[in-house]
Amino acid sequence: MPVPVVDTTGAGDACTAGITVALAEGTDLDVALALGNAAGAVAVQRGNRWGLRYSIGDRRPAADGC
């Protein structure tokens, strides 16, 4: 998913969290992977000056990208 990159800090963590949460909720693997990818994309667009929690906040931005 090509997006403008501000800061890559936490992108992998966001991706892993998106996949993990989706799978824990019983989502199919392909949808879980798409959510993880979108979460990583959201994280890199926002920068991480205050940490990943503040760059992604909650799942809505990532879910909107799926």
PDB file of N, CA and C in Angstrom:
ATOM      1  N   MET A   1       0.850  -1.167   0.000  1.00  0.00           N
ATOM      2  CA  MET A   1       0.000   0.000   0.000  1.00  0.00           C
ATOM      3  C   MET A   1       0.900   1.236   0.000  1.00  0.00           C
ATOM      4  N   PRO A   2       1.065   1.906  -1.122  1.00  0.00           N
ATOM      5  CA  PRO A   2       1.933   3.082  -1.186  1.00  0.00           C
ATOM      6  C   PRO A   2       1.299   4.290  -0.493  1.00  0.00           C
ATOM      7  N   VAL A   3       2.060   4.880   0.423  1.00  0.00           N
ATOM      8  CA  VAL A   3       1.608   6.065   1.157  1.00  0.00           C
ATOM      9  C   VAL A   3       2.800   6.997   1.360  1.00  0.00           C
ATOM     10  N   PRO A   4       2.558   8.286   1.603  1.00  0.00           N
ATOM     11  CA  PRO A   4       3.662   9.185   1.927  1.00  0.00           C
ATOM     12  C   PRO A   4       4.203   8.846   3.318  1.00  0.00           C
ATOM     13  N   VAL A   5       5.522   8.768   3.439  1.00  0.00           N
ATOM     14  CA  VAL A   5       6.141   8.342   4.697  1.00  0.00           C
ATOM     15  C   VAL A   5       6.688   9.543   5.453  1.00  0.00           C
ATOM     16  N   VAL A   6       6.285   9.652   6.722  1.00  0.00           N
ATOM     17  CA  VAL A   6       6.791  10.681   7.616  1.00  0.00           C
ATOM     18  C   VAL A   6       7.838  10.076   8.545  1.00  0.00           C
ATOM     19  N   ASP A   7       7.537   8.917   9.125  1.00  0.00           N
ATOM     20  CA  ASP A   7       8.427   8.266  10.079  1.00  0.00           C
ATOM     21  C   ASP A   7       8.074   6.785  10.108  1.00  0.00           C
ATOM     22  N   THR A   8       9.063   5.931   9.979  1.00  0.00           N
ATOM     23  CA  THR A   8       8.791   4.486   9.936  1.00  0.00           C
ATOM     24  C   THR A   8       8.790   3.821  11.308  1.00  0.00           C
ATOM     25  N   THR A   9       9.076   4.589  12.356  1.00  0.00           N
ATOM     26  CA  THR A   9       9.096   4.020  13.700  1.00  0.00           C
ATOM     27  C   THR A   9       7.730   3.427  14.046  1.00  0.00           C
ATOM     28  N   GLY A  10       7.710   2.184  14.440  1.00  0.00           N
ATOM     29  CA  GLY A  10       6.476   1.548  14.878  1.00  0.00           C
ATOM     30  C   GLY A  10       5.641   0.929  13.780  1.00  0.00           C
ATOM     31  N   ALA A  11       6.081   1.010  12.529  1.00  0.00           N
ATOM     32  CA  ALA A  11       5.279   0.460  11.432  1.00  0.00           C
ATOM     33  C   ALA A  11       5.090  -1.046  11.582  1.00  0.00           C
ATOM     34  N   GLY A  12       6.156  -1.746  11.920  1.00  0.00           N
ATOM     35  CA  GLY A  12       6.057  -3.195  12.106  1.00  0.00           C
ATOM     36  C   GLY A  12       5.185  -3.562  13.291  1.00  0.00           C
ATOM     37  N   ASP A  13       5.298  -2.787  14.362  1.00  0.00           N
ATOM     38  CA  ASP A  13       4.459  -3.027  15.538  1.00  0.00           C
ATOM     39  C   ASP A  13       2.987  -2.814  15.211  1.00  0.00           C
ATOM     40  N   ALA A  14       2.703  -1.757  14.464  1.00  0.00           N
ATOM     41  CA  ALA A  14       1.316  -1.475  14.079  1.00  0.00           C
ATOM     42  C   ALA A  14       0.771  -2.584  13.192  1.00  0.00           C
ATOM     43  N   CYS A  15       1.592  -3.051  12.259  1.00  0.00           N
ATOM     44  CA  CYS A  15       1.186  -4.127  11.364  1.00  0.00           C
ATOM     45  C   CYS A  15       0.886  -5.394  12.158  1.00  0.00           C
ATOM     46  N   THR A  16       1.812  -5.753  13.038  1.00  0.00           N
ATOM     47  CA  THR A  16       1.627  -6.960  13.855  1.00  0.00           C
ATOM     48  C   THR A  16       0.390  -6.841  14.738  1.00  0.00           C
ATOM     49  N   ALA A  17       0.178  -5.675  15.331  1.00  0.00           N
ATOM     50  CA  ALA A  17      -0.994  -5.474  16.183  1.00  0.00           C
ATOM     51  C   ALA A  17      -2.285  -5.603  15.388  1.00  0.00           C
ATOM     52  N   GLY A  18      -2.317  -5.028  14.196  1.00  0.00           N
ATOM     53  CA  GLY A  18      -3.516  -5.137  13.363  1.00  0.00           C
ATOM     54  C   GLY A  18      -3.847  -6.574  13.012  1.00  0.00           C
ATOM     55  N   ILE A  19      -2.826  -7.332  12.648  1.00  0.00           N
ATOM     56  CA  ILE A  19      -3.032  -8.754  12.316  1.00  0.00           C
ATOM     57  C   ILE A  19      -3.496  -9.523  13.541  1.00  0.00           C
ATOM     58  N   THR A  20      -2.822  -9.297  14.667  1.00  0.00           N
ATOM     59  CA  THR A  20      -3.133 -10.034  15.894  1.00  0.00           C
ATOM     60  C   THR A  20      -4.554  -9.781  16.374  1.00  0.00           C
ATOM     61  N   VAL A  21      -4.954  -8.520  16.403  1.00  0.00           N
ATOM     62  CA  VAL A  21      -6.305  -8.180  16.852  1.00  0.00           C
ATOM     63  C   VAL A  21      -7.346  -8.789  15.922  1.00  0.00           C
ATOM     64  N   ALA A  22      -7.132  -8.656  14.626  1.00  0.00           N
ATOM     65  CA  ALA A  22      -8.100  -9.202  13.667  1.00  0.00           C
ATOM     66  C   ALA A  22      -8.231 -10.716  13.809  1.00  0.00           C
ATOM     67  N   LEU A  23      -7.105 -11.413  13.947  1.00  0.00           N
ATOM     68  CA  LEU A  23      -7.168 -12.867  14.108  1.00  0.00           C
ATOM     69  C   LEU A  23      -7.828 -13.251  15.429  1.00  0.00           C
ATOM     70  N   ALA A  24      -7.549 -12.497  16.496  1.00  0.00           N
ATOM     71  CA  ALA A  24      -8.170 -12.770  17.792  1.00  0.00           C
ATOM     72  C   ALA A  24      -9.682 -12.589  17.744  1.00  0.00           C
ATOM     73  N   GLU A  25     -10.137 -11.717  16.855  1.00  0.00           N
ATOM     74  CA  GLU A  25     -11.575 -11.492  16.692  1.00  0.00           C
ATOM     75  C   GLU A  25     -12.211 -12.485  15.735  1.00  0.00           C
ATOM     76  N   GLY A  26     -11.406 -13.409  15.194  1.00  0.00           N
ATOM     77  CA  GLY A  26     -11.946 -14.439  14.311  1.00  0.00           C
ATOM     78  C   GLY A  26     -11.999 -14.058  12.843  1.00  0.00           C
ATOM     79  N   THR A  27     -11.313 -12.999  12.469  1.00  0.00           N
ATOM     80  CA  THR A  27     -11.295 -12.548  11.082  1.00  0.00           C
ATOM     81  C   THR A  27     -10.481 -13.512  10.216  1.00  0.00           C
ATOM     82  N   ASP A  28     -10.863 -13.671   8.961  1.00  0.00           N
ATOM     83  CA  ASP A  28     -10.095 -14.496   8.029  1.00  0.00           C
ATOM     84  C   ASP A  28      -8.687 -13.936   7.874  1.00  0.00           C
ATOM     85  N   LEU A  29      -7.736 -14.822   7.567  1.00  0.00           N
ATOM     86  CA  LEU A  29      -6.340 -14.431   7.467  1.00  0.00           C
ATOM     87  C   LEU A  29      -6.112 -13.336   6.427  1.00  0.00           C
ATOM     88  N   ASP A  30      -6.736 -13.437   5.260  1.00  0.00           N
ATOM     89  CA  ASP A  30      -6.502 -12.427   4.228  1.00  0.00           C
ATOM     90  C   ASP A  30      -6.980 -11.047   4.664  1.00  0.00           C
ATOM     91  N   VAL A  31      -8.081 -10.984   5.391  1.00  0.00           N
ATOM     92  CA  VAL A  31      -8.583  -9.700   5.901  1.00  0.00           C
ATOM     93  C   VAL A  31      -7.677  -9.199   7.018  1.00  0.00           C
ATOM     94  N   ALA A  32      -7.212 -10.101   7.869  1.00  0.00           N
ATOM     95  CA  ALA A  32      -6.303  -9.728   8.953  1.00  0.00           C
ATOM     96  C   ALA A  32      -5.009  -9.151   8.396  1.00  0.00           C
ATOM     97  N   LEU A  33      -4.489  -9.756   7.343  1.00  0.00           N
ATOM     98  CA  LEU A  33      -3.265  -9.241   6.727  1.00  0.00           C
ATOM     99  C   LEU A  33      -3.490  -7.865   6.107  1.00  0.00           C
ATOM    100  N   ALA A  34      -4.641  -7.664   5.500  1.00  0.00           N
ATOM    101  CA  ALA A  34      -4.962  -6.348   4.926  1.00  0.00           C
ATOM    102  C   ALA A  34      -5.063  -5.298   6.026  1.00  0.00           C
ATOM    103  N   LEU A  35      -5.666  -5.652   7.158  1.00  0.00           N
ATOM    104  CA  LEU A  35      -5.774  -4.710   8.268  1.00  0.00           C
ATOM    105  C   LEU A  35      -4.386  -4.389   8.826  1.00  0.00           C
ATOM    106  N   GLY A  36      -3.536  -5.392   8.953  1.00  0.00           N
ATOM    107  CA  GLY A  36      -2.169  -5.157   9.420  1.00  0.00           C
ATOM    108  C   GLY A  36      -1.409  -4.234   8.484  1.00  0.00           C
ATOM    109  N   ASN A  37      -1.547  -4.473   7.202  1.00  0.00           N
ATOM    110  CA  ASN A  37      -0.887  -3.626   6.205  1.00  0.00           C
ATOM    111  C   ASN A  37      -1.385  -2.186   6.311  1.00  0.00           C
ATOM    112  N   ALA A  38      -2.671  -2.028   6.446  1.00  0.00           N
ATOM    113  CA  ALA A  38      -3.248  -0.688   6.557  1.00  0.00           C
ATOM    114  C   ALA A  38      -2.806   0.003   7.849  1.00  0.00           C
ATOM    115  N   ALA A  39      -2.713  -0.747   8.940  1.00  0.00           N
ATOM    116  CA  ALA A  39      -2.265  -0.163  10.210  1.00  0.00           C
ATOM    117  C   ALA A  39      -0.824   0.331  10.093  1.00  0.00           C
ATOM    118  N   GLY A  40       0.022  -0.446   9.449  1.00  0.00           N
ATOM    119  CA  GLY A  40       1.402  -0.006   9.225  1.00  0.00           C
ATOM    120  C   GLY A  40       1.456   1.241   8.358  1.00  0.00           C
ATOM    121  N   ALA A  41       0.600   1.293   7.350  1.00  0.00           N
ATOM    122  CA  ALA A  41       0.545   2.459   6.463  1.00  0.00           C
ATOM    123  C   ALA A  41       0.101   3.708   7.211  1.00  0.00           C
ATOM    124  N   VAL A  42      -0.871   3.568   8.097  1.00  0.00           N
ATOM    125  CA  VAL A  42      -1.323   4.710   8.891  1.00  0.00           C
ATOM    126  C   VAL A  42      -0.195   5.192   9.798  1.00  0.00           C
ATOM    127  N   ALA A  43       0.501   4.247  10.417  1.00  0.00           N
ATOM    128  CA  ALA A  43       1.573   4.607  11.353  1.00  0.00           C
ATOM    129  C   ALA A  43       2.680   5.415  10.670  1.00  0.00           C
ATOM    130  N   VAL A  44       3.086   5.045   9.485  1.00  0.00           N
ATOM    131  CA  VAL A  44       4.193   5.763   8.834  1.00  0.00           C
ATOM    132  C   VAL A  44       3.775   7.141   8.325  1.00  0.00           C
ATOM    133  N   GLN A  45       2.501   7.350   8.089  1.00  0.00           N
ATOM    134  CA  GLN A  45       2.037   8.645   7.595  1.00  0.00           C
ATOM    135  C   GLN A  45       1.955   9.708   8.672  1.00  0.00           C
ATOM    136  N   ARG A  46       1.836   9.299   9.909  1.00  0.00           N
ATOM    137  CA  ARG A  46       1.574  10.256  10.974  1.00  0.00           C
ATOM    138  C   ARG A  46       2.799  10.664  11.767  1.00  0.00           C
ATOM    139  N   GLY A  47       3.862   9.925  11.675  1.00  0.00           N
ATOM    140  CA  GLY A  47       5.022  10.239  12.502  1.00  0.00           C
ATOM    141  C   GLY A  47       4.816   9.722  13.914  1.00  0.00           C
ATOM    142  N   ASN A  48       5.877   9.633  14.663  1.00  0.00           N
ATOM    143  CA  ASN A  48       5.792   8.981  15.968  1.00  0.00           C
ATOM    144  C   ASN A  48       6.484   9.776  17.062  1.00  0.00           C
ATOM    145  N   ARG A  49       6.400  11.076  16.997  1.00  0.00           N
ATOM    146  CA  ARG A  49       7.052  11.895  18.010  1.00  0.00           C
ATOM    147  C   ARG A  49       6.620  11.502  19.419  1.00  0.00           C
ATOM    148  N   TRP A  50       5.364  11.183  19.592  1.00  0.00           N
ATOM    149  CA  TRP A  50       4.840  10.831  20.914  1.00  0.00           C
ATOM    150  C   TRP A  50       4.590   9.341  21.057  1.00  0.00           C
ATOM    151  N   GLY A  51       5.115   8.550  20.146  1.00  0.00           N
ATOM    152  CA  GLY A  51       4.946   7.104  20.250  1.00  0.00           C
ATOM    153  C   GLY A  51       3.822   6.597  19.368  1.00  0.00           C
ATOM    154  N   LEU A  52       3.836   5.312  19.106  1.00  0.00           N
ATOM    155  CA  LEU A  52       2.873   4.695  18.200  1.00  0.00           C
ATOM    156  C   LEU A  52       1.436   4.902  18.650  1.00  0.00           C
ATOM    157  N   ARG A  53       1.192   4.862  19.933  1.00  0.00           N
ATOM    158  CA  ARG A  53      -0.177   5.019  20.420  1.00  0.00           C
ATOM    159  C   ARG A  53      -0.814   6.294  19.889  1.00  0.00           C
ATOM    160  N   TYR A  54      -0.032   7.345  19.806  1.00  0.00           N
ATOM    161  CA  TYR A  54      -0.573   8.615  19.350  1.00  0.00           C
ATOM    162  C   TYR A  54      -0.538   8.764  17.832  1.00  0.00           C
ATOM    163  N   SER A  55       0.264   7.943  17.159  1.00  0.00           N
ATOM    164  CA  SER A  55       0.293   8.064  15.706  1.00  0.00           C
ATOM    165  C   SER A  55      -0.868   7.326  15.063  1.00  0.00           C
ATOM    166  N   ILE A  56      -1.281   6.206  15.660  1.00  0.00           N
ATOM    167  CA  ILE A  56      -2.383   5.447  15.059  1.00  0.00           C
ATOM    168  C   ILE A  56      -3.658   5.571  15.881  1.00  0.00           C
ATOM    169  N   GLY A  57      -3.547   5.729  17.187  1.00  0.00           N
ATOM    170  CA  GLY A  57      -4.710   5.963  18.020  1.00  0.00           C
ATOM    171  C   GLY A  57      -5.612   4.773  18.191  1.00  0.00           C
ATOM    172  N   ASP A  58      -6.412   4.471  17.198  1.00  0.00           N
ATOM    173  CA  ASP A  58      -7.294   3.312  17.262  1.00  0.00           C
ATOM    174  C   ASP A  58      -7.420   2.698  15.874  1.00  0.00           C
ATOM    175  N   ARG A  59      -8.267   1.735  15.733  1.00  0.00           N
ATOM    176  CA  ARG A  59      -8.321   0.951  14.500  1.00  0.00           C
ATOM    177  C   ARG A  59      -9.066   1.624  13.350  1.00  0.00           C
ATOM    178  N   ARG A  60      -9.811   2.664  13.606  1.00  0.00           N
ATOM    179  CA  ARG A  60     -10.618   3.265  12.531  1.00  0.00           C
ATOM    180  C   ARG A  60      -9.830   3.696  11.312  1.00  0.00           C
ATOM    181  N   PRO A  61      -8.696   4.399  11.473  1.00  0.00           N
ATOM    182  CA  PRO A  61      -7.953   4.789  10.246  1.00  0.00           C
ATOM    183  C   PRO A  61      -7.475   3.585   9.454  1.00  0.00           C
ATOM    184  N   ALA A  62      -7.039   2.548  10.143  1.00  0.00           N
ATOM    185  CA  ALA A  62      -6.558   1.355   9.442  1.00  0.00           C
ATOM    186  C   ALA A  62      -7.724   0.615   8.791  1.00  0.00           C
ATOM    187  N   ALA A  63      -8.816   0.488   9.509  1.00  0.00           N
ATOM    188  CA  ALA A  63      -9.978  -0.218   8.968  1.00  0.00           C
ATOM    189  C   ALA A  63     -10.535   0.499   7.753  1.00  0.00           C
ATOM    190  N   ASP A  64     -10.468   1.818   7.754  1.00  0.00           N
ATOM    191  CA  ASP A  64     -10.944   2.585   6.603  1.00  0.00           C
ATOM    192  C   ASP A  64     -10.085   2.342   5.369  1.00  0.00           C
ATOM    193  N   GLY A  65      -8.822   1.965   5.585  1.00  0.00           N
ATOM    194  CA  GLY A  65      -7.909   1.735   4.473  1.00  0.00           C
ATOM    195  C   GLY A  65      -8.012   0.359   3.844  1.00  0.00           C
ATOM    196  N   CYS A  66      -8.805  -0.516   4.437  1.00  0.00           N
ATOM    197  CA  CYS A  66      -8.913  -1.895   3.921  1.00  0.00           C
ATOM    198  C   CYS A  66      -9.894  -2.001   2.790  1.00  0.00           C
TER     199      CYS A  66
END
